[in-house]
Amino acid sequence: MIFTLECVVDSLAGVLARQYPDYPVYTSPNQQGTSFPCFFIFFMPSTLEGNVGNRYFRDLGIDIVFVQQRNIVNGTAQIHAIADYLDEALELVPYSDGSGGEAFLRTHEKKWQTEDDELHYQFHIRERVAVRQEANLMQRMEDNRAYVKNEE
C-alpha cells in the first residue's frame, strides 16, 4: 500500500463526508466561493525520521477546521457535536490508496479548541513507511581472469 499525503487527505475527507455529506471539504483556503458550513484540512508541522534501510518514521500533524456562519443560533452546540463525532470517528481512520485495499491509521494527541466560532481539531498520524528503491540492475559483467599461479 502506498502512503501519500493526498490519500491521507482523501481518507479524512471520506470520514467527514460520511457524517456530514452536505458540508464541502477544502484542502486550501479559498478566496471566493466558499460554501458554509464547511471543513478545511491543513497539515501542521510534520517530521520524517530515518530508520534502518529504506524505512522512515513519518509524523503528520493535521488540523481539521470546521467553519460556519458567524453568530448563528446553536453554533456552539454544532461545534461540540462535530468535536464529539471526530473524537470517535478519528480513533482509527480507514485509509485507502485507491488500489482496492484498506488499512487503518491510528491517531495520536487528539485535541480540539474553538477560535472565532471555528473548531480546530488537531491530531497526529504516526506511520512507518518504506521508500521504494530502484533496483540497480547490472548492465554487463566483466570477466576477471585472475588466478593463482601454481609453483612447482
Protein backbone atom coordinates (compact mmCIF):
# COMPACT_ATOMS: atom_id res chain seq x y z
CA MET A 1 0.00 0.00 0.00
CA ILE A 2 1.32 3.44 -0.91
CA PHE A 3 1.23 6.13 1.81
CA THR A 4 0.78 9.63 0.36
CA LEU A 5 -0.39 12.96 1.71
CA GLU A 6 -3.09 13.14 -0.95
CA CYS A 7 -4.50 9.75 0.10
CA VAL A 8 -4.45 10.80 3.77
CA VAL A 9 -6.50 13.91 2.91
CA ASP A 10 -8.91 11.86 0.78
CA SER A 11 -9.34 9.34 3.60
CA LEU A 12 -10.03 12.09 6.14
CA ALA A 13 -12.49 13.75 3.76
CA GLY A 14 -14.29 10.41 3.48
CA VAL A 15 -14.68 10.26 7.27
CA LEU A 16 -16.15 13.77 7.27
CA ALA A 17 -18.45 13.10 4.29
CA ARG A 18 -19.98 10.00 5.93
CA GLN A 19 -21.45 12.09 8.74
CA TYR A 20 -21.74 15.47 7.00
CA PRO A 21 -22.37 14.78 3.30
CA ASP A 22 -23.66 18.32 2.62
CA TYR A 23 -20.57 20.08 4.02
CA PRO A 24 -17.79 20.58 1.47
CA VAL A 25 -14.21 19.69 2.42
CA TYR A 26 -11.44 22.02 1.21
CA THR A 27 -7.69 21.47 1.29
CA SER A 28 -6.62 25.07 0.82
CA PRO A 29 -8.04 28.43 1.84
CA ASN A 30 -10.47 29.72 -0.73
CA GLN A 31 -10.53 33.40 -1.52
CA GLN A 32 -14.01 33.26 -3.04
CA GLY A 33 -16.77 30.74 -3.42
CA THR A 34 -16.51 29.00 -0.04
CA SER A 35 -19.81 27.37 0.87
CA PHE A 36 -20.61 27.44 4.61
CA PRO A 37 -20.68 25.34 6.75
CA CYS A 38 -17.55 23.51 5.59
CA PHE A 39 -14.37 21.77 6.63
CA PHE A 40 -10.75 22.56 5.81
CA ILE A 41 -7.92 20.05 6.18
CA PHE A 42 -4.47 21.51 6.82
CA PHE A 43 -1.13 19.91 7.59
CA MET A 44 0.67 21.22 10.66
CA PRO A 45 4.41 20.86 11.21
CA SER A 46 5.39 17.27 10.47
CA THR A 47 8.58 15.27 10.83
CA LEU A 48 10.32 12.49 8.97
CA GLU A 49 12.97 10.42 10.75
CA GLY A 50 15.19 7.89 9.04
CA ASN A 51 15.23 4.30 10.27
CA VAL A 52 17.11 1.19 9.18
CA GLY A 53 17.33 0.57 5.45
CA ASN A 54 14.84 2.48 3.35
CA ARG A 55 12.31 2.88 6.20
CA TYR A 56 11.18 6.15 7.74
CA PHE A 57 9.02 7.18 10.67
CA ARG A 58 6.56 9.83 9.46
CA ASP A 59 4.72 12.03 11.99
CA LEU A 60 1.99 14.07 10.28
CA GLY A 61 0.35 16.90 12.17
CA ILE A 62 -3.19 17.55 10.92
CA ASP A 63 -5.69 20.30 11.67
CA ILE A 64 -9.33 19.84 10.62
CA VAL A 65 -11.08 23.19 10.79
CA PHE A 66 -14.88 23.48 10.83
CA VAL A 67 -16.14 26.88 9.70
CA GLN A 68 -19.72 28.10 9.84
CA GLN A 69 -21.51 31.43 9.58
CA ARG A 70 -20.72 33.74 12.48
CA ASN A 71 -23.15 34.34 15.34
CA ILE A 72 -25.73 31.74 14.38
CA VAL A 73 -28.21 30.18 16.77
CA ASN A 74 -26.84 26.95 18.30
CA GLY A 75 -23.47 27.48 16.60
CA THR A 76 -21.58 26.37 19.69
CA ALA A 77 -23.75 23.27 20.02
CA GLN A 78 -22.95 22.36 16.40
CA ILE A 79 -19.21 22.73 17.10
CA HIS A 80 -19.50 20.48 20.16
CA ALA A 81 -21.45 17.85 18.20
CA ILE A 82 -18.77 17.79 15.50
CA ALA A 83 -15.98 17.55 18.09
CA ASP A 84 -17.79 14.59 19.70
CA TYR A 85 -18.13 12.88 16.33
CA LEU A 86 -14.46 13.44 15.47
CA ASP A 87 -13.34 12.09 18.86
CA GLU A 88 -14.90 8.75 17.97
CA ALA A 89 -14.56 8.67 14.17
CA LEU A 90 -10.86 9.57 14.14
CA GLU A 91 -9.69 6.90 16.57
CA LEU A 92 -8.91 4.62 13.61
CA VAL A 93 -9.12 6.27 10.20
CA PRO A 94 -9.88 3.96 7.25
CA TYR A 95 -7.09 4.59 4.72
CA SER A 96 -7.12 3.66 1.05
CA ASP A 97 -4.61 4.44 -1.68
CA GLY A 98 -7.03 3.59 -4.48
CA SER A 99 -5.60 0.12 -5.11
CA GLY A 100 -8.60 -1.62 -3.57
CA GLY A 101 -7.00 -2.44 -0.22
CA GLU A 102 -7.80 -0.69 3.04
CA ALA A 103 -5.78 -0.14 6.19
CA PHE A 104 -6.44 1.78 9.38
CA LEU A 105 -4.40 4.72 10.63
CA ARG A 106 -4.34 5.36 14.37
CA THR A 107 -4.44 8.97 15.51
CA HIS A 108 -2.45 10.39 18.41
CA GLU A 109 -2.54 13.50 20.58
CA LYS A 110 -6.08 14.47 19.63
CA LYS A 111 -7.22 17.85 20.92
CA TRP A 112 -9.70 20.49 19.88
CA GLN A 113 -10.39 24.13 20.58
CA THR A 114 -12.58 26.91 19.28
CA GLU A 115 -11.26 30.19 17.90
CA ASP A 116 -13.56 32.86 16.49
CA ASP A 117 -16.51 30.40 16.25
CA GLU A 118 -14.35 27.89 14.35
CA LEU A 119 -13.48 24.39 15.51
CA HIS A 120 -9.82 23.40 15.24
CA TYR A 121 -9.50 19.62 15.68
CA GLN A 122 -5.81 18.73 15.74
CA PHE A 123 -4.09 15.35 15.88
CA HIS A 124 -1.09 13.37 14.62
CA ILE A 125 -0.80 10.31 12.40
CA ARG A 126 2.41 8.35 13.00
CA GLU A 127 3.36 5.68 10.50
CA ARG A 128 6.44 3.78 9.48
CA VAL A 129 6.84 3.93 5.74
CA ALA A 130 9.27 2.44 3.26
CA VAL A 131 10.60 4.37 0.30
CA ARG A 132 10.81 2.38 -2.88
CA GLN A 133 14.32 1.93 -4.13
CA GLU A 134 15.05 1.42 -7.76
CA ALA A 135 16.89 -1.80 -8.40
CA ASN A 136 20.31 -1.17 -9.86
CA LEU A 137 20.42 -3.94 -12.38
CA MET A 138 23.86 -4.86 -13.64
CA GLN A 139 24.23 -3.87 -17.27
CA ARG A 140 27.19 -6.05 -18.04
CA MET A 141 29.50 -8.33 -16.18
CA GLU A 142 33.21 -8.06 -16.54
CA ASP A 143 35.18 -11.27 -16.72
CA ASN A 144 38.09 -11.27 -14.32
CA ARG A 145 40.80 -13.70 -15.41
CA ALA A 146 42.73 -13.61 -12.19
CA TYR A 147 44.06 -16.90 -10.94
CA VAL A 148 46.59 -18.27 -8.51
CA LYS A 149 49.78 -19.49 -10.15
CA ASN A 150 50.88 -22.90 -9.04
CA GLU A 151 54.52 -23.07 -8.09
CA GLU A 152 56.24 -26.35 -8.84
